[in-house]
Amino acid sequence: MIEPCPDLPQLEYRMLFYTLPGHEWRVDAMLALLKESGAWSDDRERRFGELLGYEGWQIDYWLTYRRSHA
């Protein structure tokens, strides 16, 4: 995908997604997640990790780490 930058429409940014065969649905789900309005939350961070294929315990670890280093 190539889209204009929100604050600098004269510039474009590119998003490139790779998936394993049969996991193409993750791209649509990731794009929907990234387009959601509102602040980024732990719930959205969890869904992001799940779409990337991380296990629950790995996401829990990351959320704990992220909170302690914010």
C-alpha atoms as a PDB file:
ATOM      1  CA  MET A   1       0.000   0.000   0.000  1.00  0.00           C
ATOM      2  CA  ILE A   2       1.178   3.490  -0.779  1.00  0.00           C
ATOM      3  CA  GLU A   3      -0.618   6.343   0.949  1.00  0.00           C
ATOM      4  CA  PRO A   4       0.021  10.039   1.522  1.00  0.00           C
ATOM      5  CA  CYS A   5       1.434  11.058   4.895  1.00  0.00           C
ATOM      6  CA  PRO A   6      -1.344  12.598   7.020  1.00  0.00           C
ATOM      7  CA  ASP A   7       0.628  15.724   7.951  1.00  0.00           C
ATOM      8  CA  LEU A   8       2.653  16.028   4.734  1.00  0.00           C
ATOM      9  CA  PRO A   9       0.408  15.024   1.809  1.00  0.00           C
ATOM     10  CA  GLN A  10       3.186  15.739  -0.686  1.00  0.00           C
ATOM     11  CA  LEU A  11       5.039  12.742   0.800  1.00  0.00           C
ATOM     12  CA  GLU A  12       3.977   9.115   0.663  1.00  0.00           C
ATOM     13  CA  TYR A  13       4.662   6.147   2.857  1.00  0.00           C
ATOM     14  CA  ARG A  14       4.637   2.511   1.903  1.00  0.00           C
ATOM     15  CA  MET A  15       3.378  -0.473   3.860  1.00  0.00           C
ATOM     16  CA  LEU A  16       4.444  -3.910   2.763  1.00  0.00           C
ATOM     17  CA  PHE A  17       3.009  -7.023   4.379  1.00  0.00           C
ATOM     18  CA  TYR A  18       4.223 -10.606   4.176  1.00  0.00           C
ATOM     19  CA  THR A  19       2.186 -13.593   5.312  1.00  0.00           C
ATOM     20  CA  LEU A  20       2.433 -17.318   5.307  1.00  0.00           C
ATOM     21  CA  PRO A  21       0.125 -19.053   2.838  1.00  0.00           C
ATOM     22  CA  GLY A  22      -3.359 -19.211   4.308  1.00  0.00           C
ATOM     23  CA  HIS A  23      -2.746 -16.266   6.647  1.00  0.00           C
ATOM     24  CA  GLU A  24      -3.585 -13.480   4.216  1.00  0.00           C
ATOM     25  CA  TRP A  25      -6.544 -12.535   6.415  1.00  0.00           C
ATOM     26  CA  ARG A  26      -4.034 -11.091   8.886  1.00  0.00           C
ATOM     27  CA  VAL A  27      -3.285  -8.221   6.499  1.00  0.00           C
ATOM     28  CA  ASP A  28      -6.902  -7.059   6.393  1.00  0.00           C
ATOM     29  CA  ALA A  29      -7.187  -7.415  10.170  1.00  0.00           C
ATOM     30  CA  MET A  30      -3.938  -5.464  10.695  1.00  0.00           C
ATOM     31  CA  LEU A  31      -5.062  -2.655   8.380  1.00  0.00           C
ATOM     32  CA  ALA A  32      -8.396  -2.447  10.206  1.00  0.00           C
ATOM     33  CA  LEU A  33      -6.561  -2.302  13.543  1.00  0.00           C
ATOM     34  CA  LEU A  34      -4.210   0.435  12.356  1.00  0.00           C
ATOM     35  CA  LYS A  35      -7.108   2.520  11.020  1.00  0.00           C
ATOM     36  CA  GLU A  36      -9.116   2.427  14.254  1.00  0.00           C
ATOM     37  CA  SER A  37      -9.576   5.834  15.777  1.00  0.00           C
ATOM     38  CA  GLY A  38      -8.626   6.684  19.325  1.00  0.00           C
ATOM     39  CA  ALA A  39      -5.566   6.236  21.454  1.00  0.00           C
ATOM     40  CA  TRP A  40      -3.443   3.108  21.242  1.00  0.00           C
ATOM     41  CA  SER A  41      -4.349   0.867  24.185  1.00  0.00           C
ATOM     42  CA  ASP A  42      -3.188  -2.361  25.768  1.00  0.00           C
ATOM     43  CA  ASP A  43      -6.091  -4.121  24.057  1.00  0.00           C
ATOM     44  CA  ARG A  44      -4.984  -2.860  20.656  1.00  0.00           C
ATOM     45  CA  GLU A  45      -1.376  -3.736  21.458  1.00  0.00           C
ATOM     46  CA  ARG A  46      -2.519  -7.266  22.361  1.00  0.00           C
ATOM     47  CA  ARG A  47      -4.418  -7.652  19.077  1.00  0.00           C
ATOM     48  CA  PHE A  48      -1.366  -6.329  17.207  1.00  0.00           C
ATOM     49  CA  GLY A  49       0.820  -8.982  18.839  1.00  0.00           C
ATOM     50  CA  GLU A  50      -1.721 -11.713  18.109  1.00  0.00           C
ATOM     51  CA  LEU A  51      -1.828 -10.709  14.437  1.00  0.00           C
ATOM     52  CA  LEU A  52       1.958 -10.896  14.336  1.00  0.00           C
ATOM     53  CA  GLY A  53       1.746 -14.436  15.708  1.00  0.00           C
ATOM     54  CA  TYR A  54       3.018 -13.939  19.246  1.00  0.00           C
ATOM     55  CA  GLU A  55       1.734 -16.204  22.013  1.00  0.00           C
ATOM     56  CA  GLY A  56      -0.282 -14.832  24.925  1.00  0.00           C
ATOM     57  CA  TRP A  57       2.568 -15.079  27.432  1.00  0.00           C
ATOM     58  CA  GLN A  58       4.872 -13.184  25.070  1.00  0.00           C
ATOM     59  CA  ILE A  59       2.335 -10.394  24.672  1.00  0.00           C
ATOM     60  CA  ASP A  60       1.805 -10.251  28.452  1.00  0.00           C
ATOM     61  CA  TYR A  61       5.561  -9.928  28.948  1.00  0.00           C
ATOM     62  CA  TRP A  62       5.747  -7.120  26.370  1.00  0.00           C
ATOM     63  CA  LEU A  63       2.837  -5.224  27.917  1.00  0.00           C
ATOM     64  CA  THR A  64       4.449  -5.423  31.363  1.00  0.00           C
ATOM     65  CA  TYR A  65       7.805  -4.307  29.941  1.00  0.00           C
ATOM     66  CA  ARG A  66       6.210  -1.457  27.982  1.00  0.00           C
ATOM     67  CA  ARG A  67       4.362  -0.148  31.045  1.00  0.00           C
ATOM     68  CA  SER A  68       7.498  -0.224  33.198  1.00  0.00           C
ATOM     69  CA  HIS A  69       9.528   1.700  30.590  1.00  0.00           C
ATOM     70  CA  ALA A  70       6.922   4.321  29.626  1.00  0.00           C
END
